[in-house]
Each structure stands twice: as C-alpha cells, then as structure tokens.
C-alpha atoms as a PDB file:
ATOM      1  CA  UNK A   1      -6.210  -5.773 -29.607  1.00  0.00           C
ATOM      2  CA  UNK A   2      -3.548  -5.327 -26.927  1.00  0.00           C
ATOM      3  CA  UNK A   3      -4.355  -1.707 -26.607  1.00  0.00           C
ATOM      4  CA  UNK A   4      -8.124  -2.562 -26.201  1.00  0.00           C
ATOM      5  CA  UNK A   5      -7.354  -5.176 -23.588  1.00  0.00           C
ATOM      6  CA  UNK A   6      -5.087  -2.752 -21.583  1.00  0.00           C
ATOM      7  CA  UNK A   7      -7.847  -0.096 -21.614  1.00  0.00           C
ATOM      8  CA  UNK A   8     -10.448  -2.811 -20.509  1.00  0.00           C
ATOM      9  CA  UNK A   9      -8.167  -3.844 -17.623  1.00  0.00           C
ATOM     10  CA  UNK A  10      -7.691  -0.344 -16.521  1.00  0.00           C
ATOM     11  CA  UNK A  11     -11.444   0.110 -16.417  1.00  0.00           C
ATOM     12  CA  UNK A  12     -11.933  -3.039 -14.460  1.00  0.00           C
ATOM     13  CA  UNK A  13      -9.395  -2.146 -11.858  1.00  0.00           C
ATOM     14  CA  UNK A  14     -10.698   1.356 -11.515  1.00  0.00           C
ATOM     15  CA  UNK A  15      -7.749   3.189 -13.149  1.00  0.00           C
ATOM     16  CA  UNK A  16      -9.764   4.506 -16.060  1.00  0.00           C
ATOM     17  CA  UNK A  17     -13.190   6.197 -16.030  1.00  0.00           C
ATOM     18  CA  UNK A  18     -15.780   4.090 -17.741  1.00  0.00           C
ATOM     19  CA  UNK A  19     -17.785   7.031 -19.239  1.00  0.00           C
ATOM     20  CA  UNK A  20     -14.971   9.443 -20.368  1.00  0.00           C
ATOM     21  CA  UNK A  21     -12.219   6.960 -20.922  1.00  0.00           C
ATOM     22  CA  UNK A  22      -9.725   9.159 -19.238  1.00  0.00           C
ATOM     23  CA  UNK A  23      -7.238   7.946 -16.663  1.00  0.00           C
ATOM     24  CA  UNK A  24      -7.622   8.826 -13.039  1.00  0.00           C
ATOM     25  CA  UNK A  25      -4.999  11.205 -11.700  1.00  0.00           C
ATOM     26  CA  UNK A  26      -3.413  10.316  -8.358  1.00  0.00           C
ATOM     27  CA  UNK A  27      -4.092  13.238  -6.080  1.00  0.00           C
ATOM     28  CA  UNK A  28      -3.068  13.200  -2.412  1.00  0.00           C
ATOM     29  CA  UNK A  29      -5.713  13.604   0.195  1.00  0.00           C
ATOM     30  CA  UNK A  30      -5.771  17.195   1.336  1.00  0.00           C
ATOM     31  CA  UNK A  31      -4.052  17.714   4.646  1.00  0.00           C
ATOM     32  CA  UNK A  32      -6.383  20.477   5.570  1.00  0.00           C
ATOM     33  CA  UNK A  33      -9.443  18.455   5.080  1.00  0.00           C
ATOM     34  CA  UNK A  34      -8.084  15.674   7.323  1.00  0.00           C
ATOM     35  CA  UNK A  35      -7.146  18.200   9.927  1.00  0.00           C
ATOM     36  CA  UNK A  36     -10.709  19.713   9.947  1.00  0.00           C
ATOM     37  CA  UNK A  37     -12.147  16.342  10.726  1.00  0.00           C
ATOM     38  CA  UNK A  38      -9.629  15.802  13.492  1.00  0.00           C
ATOM     39  CA  UNK A  39     -10.360  19.137  14.958  1.00  0.00           C
ATOM     40  CA  UNK A  40     -14.149  18.257  15.057  1.00  0.00           C
ATOM     41  CA  UNK A  41     -13.509  15.220  17.211  1.00  0.00           C
ATOM     42  CA  UNK A  42     -13.216  12.497  14.552  1.00  0.00           C
ATOM     43  CA  UNK A  43     -10.640   9.663  15.007  1.00  0.00           C
ATOM     44  CA  UNK A  44      -8.842   7.955  12.052  1.00  0.00           C
ATOM     45  CA  UNK A  45      -9.981   4.291  12.071  1.00  0.00           C
ATOM     46  CA  UNK A  46      -8.214   3.102   8.991  1.00  0.00           C
ATOM     47  CA  UNK A  47      -5.993   4.557   6.354  1.00  0.00           C
ATOM     48  CA  UNK A  48      -5.168   3.244   2.885  1.00  0.00           C
ATOM     49  CA  UNK A  49      -3.517   4.474  -0.218  1.00  0.00           C
ATOM     50  CA  UNK A  50      -6.726   5.720  -1.621  1.00  0.00           C
ATOM     51  CA  UNK A  51      -8.876   6.538   1.430  1.00  0.00           C
ATOM     52  CA  UNK A  52      -9.126   7.447   5.123  1.00  0.00           C
ATOM     53  CA  UNK A  53     -11.931   6.492   7.333  1.00  0.00           C
ATOM     54  CA  UNK A  54     -12.929   8.543  10.302  1.00  0.00           C
ATOM     55  CA  UNK A  55     -15.252   7.765  13.217  1.00  0.00           C
ATOM     56  CA  UNK A  56     -16.994  10.067  15.761  1.00  0.00           C
ATOM     57  CA  UNK A  57     -18.616   8.445  18.906  1.00  0.00           C
ATOM     58  CA  UNK A  58     -21.956   9.705  19.997  1.00  0.00           C
ATOM     59  CA  UNK A  59     -21.933  11.656  23.259  1.00  0.00           C
ATOM     60  CA  UNK A  60     -24.491  11.710  26.007  1.00  0.00           C
ATOM     61  CA  UNK A  61     -25.286  15.208  27.303  1.00  0.00           C
ATOM     62  CA  UNK A  62     -25.927  14.664  30.996  1.00  0.00           C
ATOM     63  CA  UNK A  63     -26.866  18.253  31.794  1.00  0.00           C
ATOM     64  CA  UNK A  64     -29.580  18.209  29.019  1.00  0.00           C
ATOM     65  CA  UNK A  65     -30.857  14.923  30.365  1.00  0.00           C
ATOM     66  CA  UNK A  66     -31.068  16.341  33.988  1.00  0.00           C
ATOM     67  CA  UNK A  67     -32.840  19.510  32.699  1.00  0.00           C
ATOM     68  CA  UNK A  68     -35.344  17.433  30.667  1.00  0.00           C
ATOM     69  CA  UNK A  69     -36.031  15.267  33.776  1.00  0.00           C
ATOM     70  CA  UNK A  70     -36.596  18.496  35.807  1.00  0.00           C
ATOM     71  CA  UNK A  71     -39.113  19.585  33.225  1.00  0.00           C
ATOM     72  CA  UNK A  72     -40.919  16.257  33.320  1.00  0.00           C
ATOM     73  CA  UNK A  73     -40.432  12.530  33.212  1.00  0.00           C
ATOM     74  CA  UNK A  74     -41.470  12.039  29.579  1.00  0.00           C
ATOM     75  CA  UNK A  75     -39.019  14.549  27.981  1.00  0.00           C
ATOM     76  CA  UNK A  76     -36.156  12.770  29.798  1.00  0.00           C
ATOM     77  CA  UNK A  77     -37.343   9.413  28.582  1.00  0.00           C
ATOM     78  CA  UNK A  78     -37.692  10.809  25.037  1.00  0.00           C
ATOM     79  CA  UNK A  79     -34.157  12.031  25.298  1.00  0.00           C
ATOM     80  CA  UNK A  80     -32.937   8.609  26.293  1.00  0.00           C
ATOM     81  CA  UNK A  81     -34.721   6.909  23.436  1.00  0.00           C
ATOM     82  CA  UNK A  82     -33.269   9.531  20.987  1.00  0.00           C
ATOM     83  CA  UNK A  83     -29.768   8.872  22.357  1.00  0.00           C
ATOM     84  CA  UNK A  84     -30.112   5.128  22.051  1.00  0.00           C
ATOM     85  CA  UNK A  85     -31.385   5.365  18.430  1.00  0.00           C
ATOM     86  CA  UNK A  86     -28.284   7.336  17.390  1.00  0.00           C
ATOM     87  CA  UNK A  87     -25.284   5.501  15.973  1.00  0.00           C
ATOM     88  CA  UNK A  88     -21.562   6.551  15.706  1.00  0.00           C
ATOM     89  CA  UNK A  89     -20.791   8.621  12.648  1.00  0.00           C
ATOM     90  CA  UNK A  90     -18.236   7.480  10.161  1.00  0.00           C
ATOM     91  CA  UNK A  91     -16.835   9.248   7.121  1.00  0.00           C
ATOM     92  CA  UNK A  92     -14.605   7.920   4.306  1.00  0.00           C
ATOM     93  CA  UNK A  93     -12.548  10.293   2.290  1.00  0.00           C
ATOM     94  CA  UNK A  94     -11.388   8.976  -1.081  1.00  0.00           C
ATOM     95  CA  UNK A  95      -8.635  10.360  -3.312  1.00  0.00           C
END
C-alpha cells in the first residue's frame, strides 16, 4: 500500500508520467537553446528550476510606415492597425 501511495504522490506532483509510469529525468535546460533566443532579441523575464520564460517586444518599423504613407493613406493606416493588433511574444522553455 505504501508503494502505491508513493507512486500516486509522484504522479500528483508531476514527478512520474501518468501514462507510462516512469519517473521524469531531471535534465538541464540546454544552454545553446537559451543563447539562440537571446541572440534573436528575447529577454529573460523569469527563471525557475524547471522553466525559463522569454519575452520579445513588438517593434514599429518607421521606414515601412513612411513608405506605405507615400504609397497612399490607406496602406499606412492599415499598417498602424496591424501594429496595434500585435502583442509581445513570450516563450516558455521547460526541462
């Protein structure tokens, strides 16, 4: 009974896979993967034992906006609407 309760506790806390019944192995987050996101302009927002969360802010392209305004008023307004509808990108990497 104790063995069953121990396995059940591990499944509840997420230490054991519910389907296969195998324990999860602790693997460190790959340094190369983190470095790739940092090189792409992402910033680390939070870091825990099992995860890292990155965030990348949206960027306004002023030259594109001016070019679209020169083409016509409506393309420039459409770009402003597109930019306003975008949100910051966030990614979470888990072990």
